[in-house]
C-alpha atoms as a PDB file:
ATOM      1  CA  MET A   1     110.844 299.042 295.047  1.00  0.00           C
ATOM      2  CA  GLN A   2     114.343 297.617 295.379  1.00  0.00           C
ATOM      3  CA  GLN A   3     117.429 299.716 294.796  1.00  0.00           C
ATOM      4  CA  ASN A   4     119.676 298.853 291.878  1.00  0.00           C
ATOM      5  CA  PRO A   5     123.417 299.547 292.372  1.00  0.00           C
ATOM      6  CA  GLU A   6     123.683 300.243 288.629  1.00  0.00           C
ATOM      7  CA  ILE A   7     121.188 303.091 288.778  1.00  0.00           C
ATOM      8  CA  GLU A   8     122.661 304.493 291.974  1.00  0.00           C
ATOM      9  CA  HIS A   9     126.105 304.537 290.360  1.00  0.00           C
ATOM     10  CA  ILE A  10     124.768 306.335 287.274  1.00  0.00           C
ATOM     11  CA  ILE A  11     123.001 308.951 289.404  1.00  0.00           C
ATOM     12  CA  GLU A  12     126.165 309.566 291.441  1.00  0.00           C
ATOM     13  CA  GLN A  13     128.186 309.984 288.254  1.00  0.00           C
ATOM     14  CA  ALA A  14     125.631 312.395 286.767  1.00  0.00           C
ATOM     15  CA  VAL A  15     125.883 314.586 289.859  1.00  0.00           C
ATOM     16  CA  THR A  16     129.687 314.388 289.727  1.00  0.00           C
ATOM     17  CA  ILE A  17     129.721 315.437 286.062  1.00  0.00           C
ATOM     18  CA  ALA A  18     127.512 318.449 286.856  1.00  0.00           C
ATOM     19  CA  ARG A  19     129.718 319.407 289.804  1.00  0.00           C
ATOM     20  CA  VAL A  20     132.917 319.172 287.745  1.00  0.00           C
ATOM     21  CA  GLU A  21     131.332 321.415 285.108  1.00  0.00           C
ATOM     22  CA  LYS A  22     130.231 323.755 287.942  1.00  0.00           C
ATOM     23  CA  HIS A  23     126.649 323.511 286.714  1.00  0.00           C
ATOM     24  CA  GLU A  24     123.834 324.724 288.898  1.00  0.00           C
ATOM     25  CA  PHE A  25     121.506 321.887 287.867  1.00  0.00           C
ATOM     26  CA  VAL A  26     121.719 318.195 286.977  1.00  0.00           C
ATOM     27  CA  ILE A  27     120.051 317.980 283.580  1.00  0.00           C
ATOM     28  CA  THR A  28     119.109 315.172 281.203  1.00  0.00           C
ATOM     29  CA  GLU A  29     122.391 315.349 279.316  1.00  0.00           C
ATOM     30  CA  HIS A  30     124.415 314.829 282.526  1.00  0.00           C
ATOM     31  CA  LEU A  31     122.364 311.695 283.082  1.00  0.00           C
ATOM     32  CA  LEU A  32     122.882 310.628 279.476  1.00  0.00           C
ATOM     33  CA  LEU A  33     126.648 311.037 279.721  1.00  0.00           C
ATOM     34  CA  ALA A  34     126.747 309.044 282.965  1.00  0.00           C
ATOM     35  CA  LEU A  35     124.621 306.327 281.357  1.00  0.00           C
ATOM     36  CA  ILE A  36     126.810 305.848 278.283  1.00  0.00           C
ATOM     37  CA  ARG A  37     129.949 305.934 280.448  1.00  0.00           C
ATOM     38  CA  TYR A  38     128.589 303.098 282.565  1.00  0.00           C
ATOM     39  CA  ASP A  39     130.626 300.174 281.278  1.00  0.00           C
ATOM     40  CA  PRO A  40     127.928 297.460 280.798  1.00  0.00           C
ATOM     41  CA  PHE A  41     125.636 299.900 278.966  1.00  0.00           C
ATOM     42  CA  ARG A  42     128.561 301.284 276.966  1.00  0.00           C
ATOM     43  CA  LYS A  43     129.488 297.765 275.798  1.00  0.00           C
ATOM     44  CA  CYS A  44     125.870 297.179 274.816  1.00  0.00           C
ATOM     45  CA  LEU A  45     125.886 300.365 272.722  1.00  0.00           C
ATOM     46  CA  ASP A  46     129.184 299.357 271.161  1.00  0.00           C
ATOM     47  CA  ARG A  47     127.814 295.940 270.159  1.00  0.00           C
ATOM     48  CA  PHE A  48     124.807 297.740 268.666  1.00  0.00           C
ATOM     49  CA  GLY A  49     127.223 299.548 266.334  1.00  0.00           C
ATOM     50  CA  VAL A  50     127.241 302.971 268.000  1.00  0.00           C
ATOM     51  CA  GLU A  51     130.356 305.170 267.807  1.00  0.00           C
ATOM     52  CA  VAL A  52     130.289 305.606 271.558  1.00  0.00           C
ATOM     53  CA  THR A  53     133.517 307.597 271.887  1.00  0.00           C
ATOM     54  CA  GLN A  54     132.373 310.120 269.278  1.00  0.00           C
ATOM     55  CA  MET A  55     128.930 310.341 270.875  1.00  0.00           C
ATOM     56  CA  GLU A  56     130.495 310.868 274.301  1.00  0.00           C
ATOM     57  CA  GLN A  57     132.731 313.669 273.043  1.00  0.00           C
ATOM     58  CA  GLU A  58     129.805 315.443 271.404  1.00  0.00           C
ATOM     59  CA  ILE A  59     127.818 315.329 274.660  1.00  0.00           C
ATOM     60  CA  VAL A  60     130.850 316.626 276.595  1.00  0.00           C
ATOM     61  CA  ASN A  61     131.203 319.522 274.154  1.00  0.00           C
ATOM     62  CA  TYR A  62     127.511 320.333 274.503  1.00  0.00           C
ATOM     63  CA  LEU A  63     127.670 320.365 278.301  1.00  0.00           C
ATOM     64  CA  SER A  64     130.776 322.565 278.255  1.00  0.00           C
ATOM     65  CA  SER A  65     128.899 325.123 276.170  1.00  0.00           C
ATOM     66  CA  LEU A  66     126.120 325.604 278.741  1.00  0.00           C
ATOM     67  CA  ARG A  67     127.265 328.908 280.225  1.00  0.00           C
ATOM     68  CA  SER A  68     123.800 329.902 281.451  1.00  0.00           C
ATOM     69  CA  ILE A  69     123.807 327.284 284.232  1.00  0.00           C
ATOM     70  CA  THR A  70     127.508 327.568 285.122  1.00  0.00           C
ATOM     71  CA  LYS A  71     128.499 328.878 288.556  1.00  0.00           C
ATOM     72  CA  THR A  72     131.866 330.439 289.311  1.00  0.00           C
ATOM     73  CA  GLU A  73     132.272 328.716 292.690  1.00  0.00           C
ATOM     74  CA  ASP A  74     132.042 325.097 293.810  1.00  0.00           C
ATOM     75  CA  TYR A  75     128.375 324.209 293.865  1.00  0.00           C
ATOM     76  CA  GLN A  76     126.156 321.271 294.835  1.00  0.00           C
ATOM     77  CA  PRO A  77     123.971 320.789 291.736  1.00  0.00           C
ATOM     78  CA  LYS A  78     120.215 320.510 292.115  1.00  0.00           C
ATOM     79  CA  LYS A  79     117.989 318.118 290.208  1.00  0.00           C
ATOM     80  CA  THR A  80     115.576 319.582 287.695  1.00  0.00           C
ATOM     81  CA  GLN A  81     111.912 318.745 287.188  1.00  0.00           C
ATOM     82  CA  THR A  82     112.927 316.935 284.013  1.00  0.00           C
ATOM     83  CA  ILE A  83     115.244 314.601 285.928  1.00  0.00           C
ATOM     84  CA  GLU A  84     112.490 313.939 288.461  1.00  0.00           C
ATOM     85  CA  ARG A  85     110.052 313.241 285.627  1.00  0.00           C
ATOM     86  CA  ILE A  86     112.507 310.792 284.005  1.00  0.00           C
ATOM     87  CA  PHE A  87     112.829 308.719 287.172  1.00  0.00           C
ATOM     88  CA  ASN A  88     109.118 308.853 287.964  1.00  0.00           C
ATOM     89  CA  ARG A  89     108.343 307.611 284.451  1.00  0.00           C
ATOM     90  CA  ALA A  90     110.929 304.843 284.751  1.00  0.00           C
ATOM     91  CA  ASN A  91     109.527 303.771 288.138  1.00  0.00           C
ATOM     92  CA  VAL A  92     106.002 303.577 286.737  1.00  0.00           C
ATOM     93  CA  GLN A  93     107.272 301.448 283.860  1.00  0.00           C
ATOM     94  CA  VAL A  94     108.940 299.063 286.315  1.00  0.00           C
ATOM     95  CA  MET A  95     105.769 298.698 288.399  1.00  0.00           C
ATOM     96  CA  PHE A  96     103.506 298.122 285.410  1.00  0.00           C
ATOM     97  CA  THR A  97     105.777 295.371 284.100  1.00  0.00           C
ATOM     98  CA  GLY A  98     105.713 293.571 287.443  1.00  0.00           C
ATOM     99  CA  ARG A  99     109.371 294.082 288.281  1.00  0.00           C
ATOM    100  CA  ARG A 100     110.927 295.271 291.518  1.00  0.00           C
ATOM    101  CA  ALA A 101     113.973 297.254 290.395  1.00  0.00           C
ATOM    102  CA  MET A 102     114.828 299.784 287.717  1.00  0.00           C
ATOM    103  CA  THR A 103     117.398 298.816 285.062  1.00  0.00           C
ATOM    104  CA  THR A 104     119.442 300.754 282.523  1.00  0.00           C
ATOM    105  CA  ILE A 105     116.918 300.069 279.764  1.00  0.00           C
ATOM    106  CA  ASP A 106     114.188 301.733 281.854  1.00  0.00           C
ATOM    107  CA  LEU A 107     116.416 304.778 282.171  1.00  0.00           C
ATOM    108  CA  TYR A 108     117.117 304.776 278.428  1.00  0.00           C
ATOM    109  CA  LEU A 109     113.414 304.519 277.534  1.00  0.00           C
ATOM    110  CA  SER A 110     112.501 307.318 279.916  1.00  0.00           C
ATOM    111  CA  ILE A 111     115.198 309.592 278.482  1.00  0.00           C
ATOM    112  CA  MET A 112     113.926 308.807 274.978  1.00  0.00           C
ATOM    113  CA  ALA A 113     110.464 309.972 276.063  1.00  0.00           C
ATOM    114  CA  GLU A 114     111.909 313.479 276.562  1.00  0.00           C
ATOM    115  CA  THR A 115     111.505 314.228 272.867  1.00  0.00           C
ATOM    116  CA  ASN A 116     112.475 317.914 273.154  1.00  0.00           C
ATOM    117  CA  SER A 117     115.783 317.206 274.863  1.00  0.00           C
ATOM    118  CA  HIS A 118     119.271 317.114 273.383  1.00  0.00           C
ATOM    119  CA  ALA A 119     119.679 313.676 274.973  1.00  0.00           C
ATOM    120  CA  HIS A 120     116.855 312.357 272.779  1.00  0.00           C
ATOM    121  CA  TYR A 121     118.501 314.011 269.764  1.00  0.00           C
ATOM    122  CA  PHE A 122     121.906 312.416 270.508  1.00  0.00           C
ATOM    123  CA  PHE A 123     120.393 308.937 270.715  1.00  0.00           C
ATOM    124  CA  LEU A 124     118.595 309.421 267.400  1.00  0.00           C
ATOM    125  CA  LYS A 125     121.652 310.938 265.730  1.00  0.00           C
ATOM    126  CA  TYR A 126     123.747 307.883 266.561  1.00  0.00           C
ATOM    127  CA  GLY A 127     121.069 305.425 265.496  1.00  0.00           C
ATOM    128  CA  VAL A 128     119.925 304.215 268.931  1.00  0.00           C
ATOM    129  CA  LYS A 129     116.292 303.778 267.945  1.00  0.00           C
ATOM    130  CA  LYS A 130     113.939 302.554 270.615  1.00  0.00           C
ATOM    131  CA  THR A 131     112.408 299.369 269.167  1.00  0.00           C
ATOM    132  CA  GLU A 132     115.633 297.966 267.728  1.00  0.00           C
ATOM    133  CA  PHE A 133     117.766 298.856 270.727  1.00  0.00           C
ATOM    134  CA  VAL A 134     115.366 297.374 273.288  1.00  0.00           C
ATOM    135  CA  LYS A 135     115.491 294.034 271.468  1.00  0.00           C
ATOM    136  CA  HIS A 136     119.277 294.284 271.289  1.00  0.00           C
ATOM    137  CA  TRP A 137     119.546 295.134 275.004  1.00  0.00           C
ATOM    138  CA  GLU A 138     117.355 292.198 276.014  1.00  0.00           C
ATOM    139  CA  SER A 139     119.521 289.758 274.067  1.00  0.00           C
ATOM    140  CA  SER A 140     122.992 291.172 274.608  1.00  0.00           C
ATOM    141  CA  TYR A 141     123.134 293.136 277.869  1.00  0.00           C
ATOM    142  CA  ASN A 142     125.671 291.238 279.949  1.00  0.00           C
ATOM    143  CA  ARG A 143     124.716 291.416 283.603  1.00  0.00           C
ATOM    144  CA  GLN A 144     128.005 289.718 284.481  1.00  0.00           C
ATOM    145  CA  ASP A 145     129.658 293.034 283.600  1.00  0.00           C
ATOM    146  CA  VAL A 146     127.701 294.691 286.408  1.00  0.00           C
ATOM    147  CA  LYS A 147     129.889 295.295 289.443  1.00  0.00           C
ATOM    148  CA  MET A 148     129.066 297.073 292.665  1.00  0.00           C
ATOM    149  CA  THR A 149     131.457 298.941 294.893  1.00  0.00           C
ATOM    150  CA  ASP A 150     132.239 297.860 298.456  1.00  0.00           C
ATOM    151  CA  LYS A 151     130.243 300.857 299.667  1.00  0.00           C
ATOM    152  CA  GLN A 152     127.169 299.825 297.660  1.00  0.00           C
ATOM    153  CA  ALA A 153     127.442 296.224 298.849  1.00  0.00           C
ATOM    154  CA  THR A 154     127.704 297.373 302.471  1.00  0.00           C
ATOM    155  CA  GLU A 155     124.697 299.679 302.103  1.00  0.00           C
ATOM    156  CA  ILE A 156     122.574 296.862 300.629  1.00  0.00           C
ATOM    157  CA  LEU A 157     123.617 294.410 303.355  1.00  0.00           C
ATOM    158  CA  THR A 158     122.905 297.002 306.055  1.00  0.00           C
ATOM    159  CA  GLU A 159     119.470 297.790 304.644  1.00  0.00           C
ATOM    160  CA  TYR A 160     118.236 294.248 304.014  1.00  0.00           C
ATOM    161  CA  CYS A 161     120.215 292.045 306.428  1.00  0.00           C
ATOM    162  CA  THR A 162     120.822 291.709 310.150  1.00  0.00           C
ATOM    163  CA  ASN A 163     124.414 291.636 311.356  1.00  0.00           C
ATOM    164  CA  LEU A 164     124.274 288.784 313.866  1.00  0.00           C
ATOM    165  CA  THR A 165     127.959 289.188 314.720  1.00  0.00           C
ATOM    166  CA  ASP A 166     127.377 292.762 315.860  1.00  0.00           C
ATOM    167  CA  ASN A 167     124.248 291.699 317.732  1.00  0.00           C
ATOM    168  CA  ALA A 168     126.157 288.974 319.561  1.00  0.00           C
ATOM    169  CA  ARG A 169     129.009 291.367 320.347  1.00  0.00           C
ATOM    170  CA  ASN A 170     126.536 293.854 321.815  1.00  0.00           C
ATOM    171  CA  ASN A 171     124.527 291.191 323.706  1.00  0.00           C
ATOM    172  CA  GLN A 172     121.439 291.842 321.585  1.00  0.00           C
ATOM    173  CA  LEU A 173     120.640 288.237 320.641  1.00  0.00           C
ATOM    174  CA  GLU A 174     117.659 286.485 322.199  1.00  0.00           C
ATOM    175  CA  PRO A 175     118.512 283.619 324.589  1.00  0.00           C
ATOM    176  CA  LEU A 176     118.591 280.139 323.061  1.00  0.00           C
ATOM    177  CA  ILE A 177     115.594 278.067 324.155  1.00  0.00           C
ATOM    178  CA  GLY A 178     115.135 274.349 323.524  1.00  0.00           C
ATOM    179  CA  ARG A 179     118.159 273.820 321.232  1.00  0.00           C
ATOM    180  CA  ARG A 180     121.024 273.883 323.727  1.00  0.00           C
ATOM    181  CA  ASP A 181     122.112 270.257 323.147  1.00  0.00           C
ATOM    182  CA  GLU A 182     122.132 270.666 319.358  1.00  0.00           C
ATOM    183  CA  LEU A 183     124.167 273.865 319.608  1.00  0.00           C
ATOM    184  CA  ALA A 184     126.634 272.246 322.001  1.00  0.00           C
ATOM    185  CA  GLU A 185     127.136 269.330 319.600  1.00  0.00           C
ATOM    186  CA  MET A 186     127.646 271.704 316.670  1.00  0.00           C
ATOM    187  CA  ILE A 187     130.219 273.749 318.602  1.00  0.00           C
ATOM    188  CA  ALA A 188     132.084 270.599 319.630  1.00  0.00           C
ATOM    189  CA  VAL A 189     132.237 269.240 316.055  1.00  0.00           C
ATOM    190  CA  LEU A 190     133.414 272.553 314.620  1.00  0.00           C
ATOM    191  CA  GLY A 191     135.954 272.881 317.421  1.00  0.00           C
ATOM    192  CA  LEU A 192     137.456 269.442 316.791  1.00  0.00           C
ATOM    193  CA  SER A 193     137.781 270.149 313.070  1.00  0.00           C
ATOM    194  CA  ALA A 194     139.799 273.257 313.998  1.00  0.00           C
ATOM    195  CA  GLY A 195     141.915 271.431 316.608  1.00  0.00           C
ATOM    196  CA  VAL A 196     140.085 272.957 319.563  1.00  0.00           C
ATOM    197  CA  ILE A 197     138.571 270.985 322.440  1.00  0.00           C
ATOM    198  CA  ILE A 198     135.496 272.821 323.668  1.00  0.00           C
ATOM    199  CA  SER A 199     133.646 272.186 326.910  1.00  0.00           C
ATOM    200  CA  ILE A 200     130.157 273.542 327.352  1.00  0.00           C
ATOM    201  CA  ARG A 201     129.119 275.029 330.660  1.00  0.00           C
ATOM    202  CA  LYS A 202     126.199 276.997 331.960  1.00  0.00           C
ATOM    203  CA  PRO A 203     126.807 280.733 331.977  1.00  0.00           C
ATOM    204  CA  SER A 204     127.458 282.577 335.196  1.00  0.00           C
ATOM    205  CA  SER A 205     126.086 286.012 335.812  1.00  0.00           C
ATOM    206  CA  ASP A 206     129.351 287.811 335.182  1.00  0.00           C
ATOM    207  CA  VAL A 207     131.528 285.434 333.102  1.00  0.00           C
ATOM    208  CA  LYS A 208     130.795 284.467 329.522  1.00  0.00           C
ATOM    209  CA  ASN A 209     134.080 283.108 328.169  1.00  0.00           C
ATOM    210  CA  ALA A 210     136.841 281.198 329.919  1.00  0.00           C
ATOM    211  CA  SER A 211     140.483 281.344 328.989  1.00  0.00           C
ATOM    212  CA  VAL A 212     141.969 279.159 326.286  1.00  0.00           C
ATOM    213  CA  GLY A 213     144.441 276.473 327.356  1.00  0.00           C
ATOM    214  CA  SER A 214     146.624 274.037 325.466  1.00  0.00           C
ATOM    215  CA  ASN A 215     146.789 270.229 325.559  1.00  0.00           C
ATOM    216  CA  SER A 216     148.722 267.561 323.704  1.00  0.00           C
ATOM    217  CA  MET A 217     146.816 264.644 322.171  1.00  0.00           C
ATOM    218  CA  HIS A 218     148.546 261.936 320.161  1.00  0.00           C
ATOM    219  CA  GLY A 219     151.474 264.189 319.452  1.00  0.00           C
ATOM    220  CA  THR A 220     149.235 267.011 318.234  1.00  0.00           C
ATOM    221  CA  THR A 221     148.805 270.241 320.157  1.00  0.00           C
ATOM    222  CA  THR A 222     145.187 271.263 320.622  1.00  0.00           C
ATOM    223  CA  SER A 223     143.543 274.173 322.383  1.00  0.00           C
ATOM    224  CA  ALA A 224     140.912 273.863 325.065  1.00  0.00           C
ATOM    225  CA  LEU A 225     138.148 276.416 325.272  1.00  0.00           C
ATOM    226  CA  SER A 226     135.276 276.648 327.705  1.00  0.00           C
ATOM    227  CA  VAL A 227     132.206 278.491 326.449  1.00  0.00           C
ATOM    228  CA  ALA A 228     128.820 279.328 327.905  1.00  0.00           C
ATOM    229  CA  VAL A 229     125.608 278.503 326.111  1.00  0.00           C
ATOM    230  CA  SER A 230     122.604 280.591 327.205  1.00  0.00           C
END
């Protein structure tokens, strides 16, 4: 199953909320607060007619009242079985609908399935009923509002892509076989467009790049570069 930067962001925020409150555990209401603070989902709730600010403040007040799970020192919160159950349920829903990544609506539906939780109560209190809201989400959730951080983008690229620049820098690329002439032509064309005259030579055992010189052609200064093609 593919990772969704939205869900990762919400999880990180839920843990942060629990840590700020010095709570021993990450509970459903931490996840709820992180979800409604996530801007695209918050806008969707707002368009549905929910008093999001009032709902948020009520959840904050509830979390602040939980003295039984509050620690006096800085603490790394642990996930509860309920949180694990919420994500397992959401993952199953994604698989059975033939999708590859969890979305915010999957998280919402899984939280709503925890009928004995305060999170379920808050959604019902503010009129976020399952059938109506799912239809509203499908028609109005603006995915253009979804933004990922540089860190998330880098993690996704690292996981699913190969950095050919790093491979070339570390001499980890396979030698080119059978396409030397085409590559030489491509290098020459790109070099001319950048004002660089490039000559192709066979590589020696210990030299890969020659120095760059400078020539004058038709009143225009161009650089000359000799490169090796393996």
